[in-house]
Amino acid sequence: MDALKSRRPFRAAPWARGPHRQTLVARILRSPEPAPVERERVETEDGDFVDVDWSPDPGGVAPVVLVLHGLEGSSRRTYVRNICGALATRGVRTVAMNFRGCSGAPNRSLRFYHSGETSDPLAVLERVRSRHSDRRIGAMGVSLGGNVLLKLMGERADGGTGLLDAAAAMSVPYDLAAGCDLLERTRMGRLYTEYFLRSLRRKVDAKRPQLAEAIDLEAVDRAHTIRDFDELVTAPLHGFADAAEYYAACSSTGFLEGVQVPTLLLHARDDPFLPPDAIPEEHARANPNLHLELEEAGGHVGFMEGSPWSPYFWGDERVADFLAETLKPDGPDRPAPLPSLRSS
């Protein structure tokens, strides 16, 4: 596959070496100009909605790629815009989905989204396919969004081939419990955790009257870890007995065997959100549809090269190269879709 043969290794910028510099400085320096998008509200089967942003259509048979953001992200985050921009320069149309409650408008139902909730991206993909049945379709997931994407493909009887022609996932927390353990035992992990918890608490506060009978709000106010939040909010609102059951049921490592779509897995050994021994190297090697590109450095959604005044986001460009090449219109025909397996 040309998209794999043309790969060059990542070389961390000397001034941004180390996992936390890669993770944090990349977040600061990603500053693309907002591209024009058309927002569409997609109504869900349970009476809720998700908002998606469509980029301009290049026309013809241009491929279309669904982009899924990470925990407490949105389609407006700079890493999403960067990836969409990189795909656009390669002639690919993007549709960036906001998970429930992440588009700036509170969602209607008590439930939010989580690392294994696949019914909403499935509904969006089915809509994309119905509109563009003559085009090749791909998907890209970042962090939590990558976990969701891998689970979505792996839990289906067709391995995702009835939905997608190619996929890519960057900085995925493949083992949710191991990721939480790492965040809890490191100083920087606790700082990252507090950042996410501030955003998650705001969403709980916005629905406080409705949630009062479903969860222990006082305990949520005292939560200090992501595991605490998942135990008190994610699990009860989404039908899991506790956080442990949620992590076991939704960690994407358990779904890699079932993926039948050509998929790039881009990850750094020094990712501060997942310990190296939880990276599913053996699972990836066992499935010929998966191509794991495991870099020694890069942090979490970092992969930054260049200079401070002219940074180059190697990871964003790498996934765009892979998807654009794999989704070329002259690629192999898509298999006929099988019935989908919706998850809660």
Protein backbone atom coordinates (compact mmCIF):
# COMPACT_ATOMS: atom_id res chain seq x y z
CA MET A 1 0.00 0.00 0.00
CA ASP A 2 1.53 3.33 -1.11
CA ALA A 3 0.26 5.09 2.01
CA LEU A 4 2.48 2.82 4.10
CA LYS A 5 5.52 2.70 1.82
CA SER A 6 5.80 6.51 1.72
CA ARG A 7 5.97 6.85 5.49
CA ARG A 8 8.89 8.66 7.11
CA PRO A 9 9.57 8.47 10.86
CA PHE A 10 8.56 11.18 13.29
CA ARG A 11 11.34 13.47 14.52
CA ALA A 12 10.38 15.46 17.61
CA ALA A 13 11.27 19.13 17.58
CA PRO A 14 14.36 19.61 19.82
CA TRP A 15 12.64 22.44 21.71
CA ALA A 16 9.54 20.29 22.35
CA ARG A 17 10.99 16.99 23.47
CA GLY A 18 9.26 14.98 26.15
CA PRO A 19 5.67 13.73 26.34
CA HIS A 20 4.19 16.71 28.18
CA ARG A 21 5.79 19.34 25.96
CA GLN A 22 4.55 17.47 22.91
CA THR A 23 1.06 17.18 24.41
CA LEU A 24 0.69 20.71 25.79
CA VAL A 25 2.72 22.83 23.39
CA ALA A 26 1.06 21.21 20.39
CA ARG A 27 -2.28 22.20 21.87
CA ILE A 28 -1.12 25.81 22.17
CA LEU A 29 0.52 26.11 18.76
CA ARG A 30 -2.20 24.47 16.69
CA SER A 31 -3.97 27.58 15.46
CA PRO A 32 -5.44 27.05 12.00
CA GLU A 33 -7.75 29.62 10.52
CA PRO A 34 -11.37 28.47 10.96
CA ALA A 35 -12.50 26.87 7.73
CA PRO A 36 -16.02 27.34 6.37
CA VAL A 37 -18.35 24.56 7.46
CA GLU A 38 -22.04 23.81 7.24
CA ARG A 39 -23.56 22.60 10.50
CA GLU A 40 -26.24 19.96 10.46
CA ARG A 41 -28.26 18.65 13.39
CA VAL A 42 -28.78 14.89 13.27
CA GLU A 43 -31.76 13.67 15.29
CA THR A 44 -31.19 10.38 17.10
CA GLU A 45 -33.58 7.47 17.55
CA ASP A 46 -34.00 8.22 21.27
CA GLY A 47 -35.11 11.82 20.71
CA ASP A 48 -31.72 13.44 21.25
CA PHE A 49 -29.36 14.99 18.69
CA VAL A 50 -25.75 15.39 17.62
CA ASP A 51 -24.34 18.29 15.60
CA VAL A 52 -21.96 17.68 12.70
CA ASP A 53 -19.90 20.12 10.62
CA TRP A 54 -19.54 19.45 6.90
CA SER A 55 -16.62 20.95 4.99
CA PRO A 56 -17.18 22.25 1.43
CA ASP A 57 -17.65 19.50 -1.11
CA PRO A 58 -14.81 19.28 -3.66
CA GLY A 59 -17.32 17.56 -5.93
CA GLY A 60 -16.92 14.64 -8.24
CA VAL A 61 -16.21 11.45 -6.36
CA ALA A 62 -14.16 13.05 -3.57
CA PRO A 63 -13.90 10.72 -0.55
CA VAL A 64 -15.66 11.66 2.69
CA VAL A 65 -14.12 11.18 6.15
CA LEU A 66 -15.93 11.29 9.49
CA VAL A 67 -13.74 12.86 12.22
CA LEU A 68 -14.35 12.05 15.91
CA HIS A 69 -12.85 14.22 18.64
CA GLY A 70 -11.50 13.27 22.05
CA LEU A 71 -12.76 13.57 25.63
CA GLU A 72 -14.49 16.93 26.14
CA GLY A 73 -13.40 18.09 22.71
CA SER A 74 -15.53 19.33 19.82
CA SER A 75 -15.43 19.90 16.08
CA ARG A 76 -13.96 23.35 16.82
CA ARG A 77 -10.85 22.07 18.59
CA THR A 78 -7.70 22.98 16.73
CA TYR A 79 -6.53 19.38 16.35
CA VAL A 80 -9.84 18.55 14.63
CA ARG A 81 -9.54 21.60 12.39
CA ASN A 82 -5.94 20.73 11.56
CA ILE A 83 -6.85 17.20 10.57
CA CYS A 84 -9.83 18.39 8.54
CA GLY A 85 -7.64 20.99 6.85
CA ALA A 86 -4.97 18.42 6.02
CA LEU A 87 -7.61 16.17 4.48
CA ALA A 88 -9.13 19.08 2.53
CA THR A 89 -5.79 19.86 0.88
CA ARG A 90 -5.77 16.26 -0.33
CA GLY A 91 -9.22 16.54 -1.91
CA VAL A 92 -11.17 14.86 0.88
CA ARG A 93 -14.44 16.16 2.27
CA THR A 94 -14.81 15.93 6.06
CA VAL A 95 -17.74 15.70 8.42
CA ALA A 96 -16.66 16.46 12.00
CA MET A 97 -19.08 15.08 14.56
CA ASN A 98 -19.67 16.51 18.02
CA PHE A 99 -20.50 13.91 20.64
CA ARG A 100 -23.65 14.59 22.65
CA GLY A 101 -23.39 17.83 24.60
CA CYS A 102 -20.09 18.85 22.96
CA SER A 103 -21.31 21.24 20.25
CA GLY A 104 -22.07 24.15 22.58
CA ALA A 105 -25.71 23.18 23.14
CA PRO A 106 -26.76 20.83 25.97
CA ASN A 107 -28.21 17.58 24.69
CA ARG A 108 -31.76 16.64 25.66
CA SER A 109 -31.46 13.27 27.36
CA LEU A 110 -29.86 12.43 30.70
CA ARG A 111 -27.14 10.37 29.04
CA PHE A 112 -24.05 11.98 27.59
CA TYR A 113 -21.40 10.12 25.57
CA HIS A 114 -18.61 7.78 26.55
CA SER A 115 -15.62 5.84 25.22
CA GLY A 116 -17.74 2.97 23.92
CA GLU A 117 -20.92 4.72 22.75
CA THR A 118 -21.13 3.86 19.05
CA SER A 119 -24.78 4.36 18.09
CA ASP A 120 -24.40 8.08 17.32
CA PRO A 121 -21.35 7.84 15.02
CA LEU A 122 -23.01 4.84 13.40
CA ALA A 123 -26.10 6.93 12.63
CA VAL A 124 -23.93 9.69 11.16
CA LEU A 125 -21.96 7.22 9.04
CA GLU A 126 -25.16 5.69 7.73
CA ARG A 127 -26.34 9.18 6.75
CA VAL A 128 -23.03 9.93 5.02
CA ARG A 129 -23.25 6.68 3.07
CA SER A 130 -26.86 7.29 2.03
CA ARG A 131 -25.91 10.70 0.62
CA HIS A 132 -22.65 9.63 -0.98
CA SER A 133 -23.21 6.05 -2.05
CA ASP A 134 -20.91 6.62 -5.04
CA ARG A 135 -17.94 7.71 -2.91
CA ARG A 136 -15.39 6.02 -0.69
CA ILE A 137 -15.94 6.64 3.02
CA GLY A 138 -13.38 6.81 5.81
CA ALA A 139 -13.21 7.75 9.48
CA MET A 140 -10.63 9.24 11.79
CA GLY A 141 -10.77 9.12 15.60
CA VAL A 142 -8.61 11.02 18.06
CA SER A 143 -8.06 9.70 21.61
CA LEU A 144 -11.53 8.80 22.98
CA GLY A 145 -12.90 9.20 19.45
CA GLY A 146 -10.39 6.64 18.23
CA ASN A 147 -11.50 4.19 20.91
CA VAL A 148 -15.11 4.67 19.82
CA LEU A 149 -14.20 4.17 16.15
CA LEU A 150 -12.27 0.95 16.75
CA LYS A 151 -15.07 -0.45 18.89
CA LEU A 152 -17.64 0.52 16.24
CA MET A 153 -15.81 -1.49 13.60
CA GLY A 154 -14.82 -4.42 15.78
CA GLU A 155 -18.25 -5.05 17.26
CA ARG A 156 -19.92 -5.44 13.87
CA ALA A 157 -20.34 -8.78 12.11
CA ASP A 158 -18.75 -7.28 8.98
CA GLY A 159 -15.83 -5.75 10.85
CA GLY A 160 -16.83 -2.30 9.61
CA THR A 161 -16.55 -3.03 5.90
CA GLY A 162 -20.22 -2.22 5.31
CA LEU A 163 -19.59 1.30 6.60
CA LEU A 164 -15.99 2.22 5.82
CA ASP A 165 -13.25 1.80 3.26
CA ALA A 166 -10.44 3.03 5.53
CA ALA A 167 -9.92 4.28 9.08
CA ALA A 168 -7.26 5.89 11.25
CA ALA A 169 -6.94 6.39 14.99
CA MET A 170 -4.43 8.54 16.86
CA SER A 171 -3.39 8.37 20.54
CA VAL A 172 -6.10 5.91 21.54
CA PRO A 173 -6.54 4.92 25.23
CA TYR A 174 -6.84 1.26 24.25
CA ASP A 175 -7.11 0.05 27.86
CA LEU A 176 -9.36 2.47 29.75
CA ALA A 177 -8.55 1.13 33.20
CA ALA A 178 -4.79 1.24 32.59
CA GLY A 179 -5.09 4.79 31.33
CA CYS A 180 -6.95 5.85 34.46
CA ASP A 181 -4.34 4.16 36.63
CA LEU A 182 -1.56 6.14 34.93
CA LEU A 183 -3.40 9.46 35.29
CA GLU A 184 -4.01 8.78 38.98
CA ARG A 185 -0.42 7.95 39.92
CA THR A 186 1.48 10.77 38.20
CA ARG A 187 1.60 14.46 39.05
CA MET A 188 1.00 15.56 35.46
CA GLY A 189 -1.73 12.96 35.17
CA ARG A 190 -3.56 14.58 38.03
CA LEU A 191 -3.26 17.97 36.30
CA TYR A 192 -4.69 16.55 33.09
CA THR A 193 -7.47 14.94 35.13
CA GLU A 194 -8.47 18.21 36.78
CA TYR A 195 -8.68 19.88 33.38
CA PHE A 196 -11.12 17.25 32.13
CA LEU A 197 -13.11 17.16 35.38
CA ARG A 198 -13.77 20.91 35.27
CA SER A 199 -15.42 20.50 31.88
CA LEU A 200 -17.32 17.35 32.88
CA ARG A 201 -18.63 18.97 36.07
CA ARG A 202 -19.96 21.92 34.07
CA LYS A 203 -22.02 19.52 31.98
CA VAL A 204 -23.41 17.86 35.10
CA ASP A 205 -24.23 21.27 36.58
CA ALA A 206 -26.13 22.27 33.45
CA LYS A 207 -28.48 19.30 34.01
CA ARG A 208 -28.46 19.29 37.79
CA PRO A 209 -32.25 19.28 38.30
CA GLN A 210 -32.78 16.42 35.83
CA LEU A 211 -29.85 14.38 37.17
CA ALA A 212 -30.71 14.75 40.85
CA GLU A 213 -32.77 11.54 40.96
CA ALA A 214 -30.38 9.51 38.79
CA ILE A 215 -26.96 10.09 40.38
CA ASP A 216 -25.39 11.24 43.65
CA LEU A 217 -24.61 14.87 42.81
CA GLU A 218 -22.82 15.59 46.09
CA ALA A 219 -20.46 12.69 45.48
CA VAL A 220 -19.86 13.94 41.93
CA ASP A 221 -18.85 17.32 43.34
CA ARG A 222 -16.18 15.55 45.40
CA ALA A 223 -14.82 13.42 42.54
CA HIS A 224 -11.07 13.76 42.11
CA THR A 225 -10.35 11.25 39.35
CA ILE A 226 -11.76 10.23 36.00
CA ARG A 227 -12.48 6.85 37.57
CA ASP A 228 -14.56 8.57 40.27
CA PHE A 229 -16.56 10.38 37.60
CA ASP A 230 -17.09 7.22 35.59
CA GLU A 231 -18.18 5.35 38.71
CA LEU A 232 -20.66 8.05 39.71
CA VAL A 233 -21.89 9.38 36.35
CA THR A 234 -20.84 7.44 33.25
CA ALA A 235 -21.66 3.97 34.56
CA PRO A 236 -25.13 4.59 36.05
CA LEU A 237 -26.30 6.83 33.20
CA HIS A 238 -25.27 4.35 30.52
CA GLY A 239 -26.27 1.01 32.00
CA PHE A 240 -23.01 -0.25 33.50
CA ALA A 241 -22.78 -1.70 37.00
CA ASP A 242 -19.68 0.35 37.79
CA ALA A 243 -16.60 1.92 36.25
CA ALA A 244 -14.79 -1.42 36.12
CA GLU A 245 -17.54 -2.99 34.00
CA TYR A 246 -17.60 0.07 31.74
CA TYR A 247 -13.84 -0.11 31.17
CA ALA A 248 -13.91 -3.84 30.52
CA ALA A 249 -16.82 -3.56 28.08
CA CYS A 250 -15.55 -0.54 26.13
CA SER A 251 -11.74 -0.72 25.94
CA SER A 252 -10.95 -0.95 22.24
CA THR A 253 -8.18 -3.55 22.67
CA GLY A 254 -10.96 -6.11 23.01
CA PHE A 255 -12.36 -5.20 19.58
CA LEU A 256 -9.20 -5.04 17.45
CA GLU A 257 -9.47 -8.67 16.37
CA GLY A 258 -12.79 -7.97 14.65
CA VAL A 259 -11.71 -4.94 12.58
CA GLN A 260 -11.78 -5.77 8.86
CA VAL A 261 -11.16 -2.27 7.48
CA PRO A 262 -7.63 -1.07 6.52
CA THR A 263 -6.78 0.94 9.62
CA LEU A 264 -3.81 3.04 10.71
CA LEU A 265 -3.10 3.07 14.45
CA LEU A 266 -0.75 5.98 15.27
CA HIS A 267 0.60 6.03 18.81
CA ALA A 268 3.59 7.17 20.89
CA ARG A 269 5.24 5.00 23.52
CA ASP A 270 5.53 8.05 25.77
CA ASP A 271 1.82 8.93 25.57
CA PRO A 272 1.04 10.23 29.10
CA PHE A 273 -2.52 8.89 28.91
CA LEU A 274 -1.61 5.20 28.46
CA PRO A 275 1.26 3.14 29.89
CA PRO A 276 3.51 1.48 27.28
CA ASP A 277 2.63 -2.03 28.44
CA ALA A 278 -1.05 -1.36 27.61
CA ILE A 279 -0.35 -0.61 23.94
CA PRO A 280 -1.89 -3.59 22.05
CA GLU A 281 1.11 -4.46 19.91
CA GLU A 282 0.35 -8.18 19.73
CA HIS A 283 -3.31 -7.58 18.88
CA ALA A 284 -2.29 -5.26 16.05
CA ARG A 285 0.27 -7.71 14.66
CA ALA A 286 -2.30 -10.50 14.71
CA ASN A 287 -4.74 -8.61 12.45
CA PRO A 288 -3.47 -7.88 8.91
CA ASN A 289 -6.02 -5.09 8.53
CA LEU A 290 -4.31 -3.06 11.27
CA HIS A 291 -1.13 -1.09 10.74
CA LEU A 292 0.36 0.07 14.04
CA GLU A 293 2.83 2.92 13.68
CA LEU A 294 4.37 3.11 17.14
CA GLU A 295 6.70 6.06 17.61
CA GLU A 296 9.09 6.32 20.55
CA ALA A 297 7.99 9.92 21.21
CA GLY A 298 5.09 12.18 20.35
CA GLY A 299 3.06 12.53 23.55
CA HIS A 300 -0.73 12.54 23.34
CA VAL A 301 -2.03 13.98 20.04
CA GLY A 302 1.28 15.81 19.75
CA PHE A 303 3.71 14.57 17.07
CA MET A 304 5.06 18.08 16.55
CA GLU A 305 8.09 18.99 14.44
CA GLY A 306 9.45 22.25 13.05
CA SER A 307 10.06 25.48 14.95
CA PRO A 308 7.90 27.41 17.47
CA TRP A 309 7.09 30.00 14.81
CA SER A 310 6.50 27.40 12.10
CA PRO A 311 5.41 24.14 13.73
CA TYR A 312 4.66 21.07 11.63
CA PHE A 313 2.10 18.62 12.96
CA TRP A 314 3.47 15.38 11.60
CA GLY A 315 0.73 13.19 13.09
CA ASP A 316 -2.09 15.19 11.51
CA GLU A 317 -0.38 15.02 8.12
CA ARG A 318 0.41 11.32 8.53
CA VAL A 319 -3.19 10.27 9.11
CA ALA A 320 -4.35 12.54 6.28
CA ASP A 321 -1.82 10.93 3.92
CA PHE A 322 -2.95 7.44 4.88
CA LEU A 323 -6.65 8.16 4.49
CA ALA A 324 -6.36 10.13 1.25
CA GLU A 325 -4.19 7.43 -0.34
CA THR A 326 -6.29 4.50 0.87
CA LEU A 327 -9.55 6.19 -0.14
CA LYS A 328 -8.53 6.98 -3.70
CA PRO A 329 -11.54 6.49 -6.01
CA ASP A 330 -9.80 3.65 -7.85
CA GLY A 331 -9.50 1.56 -4.68
CA PRO A 332 -11.20 -1.82 -4.24
CA ASP A 333 -14.99 -2.02 -4.22
CA ARG A 334 -16.72 -1.78 -0.85
CA PRO A 335 -18.38 -5.03 0.28
CA ALA A 336 -22.14 -5.06 0.65
CA PRO A 337 -23.15 -3.91 4.16
CA LEU A 338 -24.37 -6.34 6.78
CA PRO A 339 -26.97 -5.45 9.42
CA SER A 340 -25.46 -3.10 12.02
CA LEU A 341 -25.05 -4.03 15.69
CA ARG A 342 -26.07 -1.01 17.73
CA SER A 343 -24.70 -0.64 21.22
CA SER A 344 -26.07 1.27 24.17
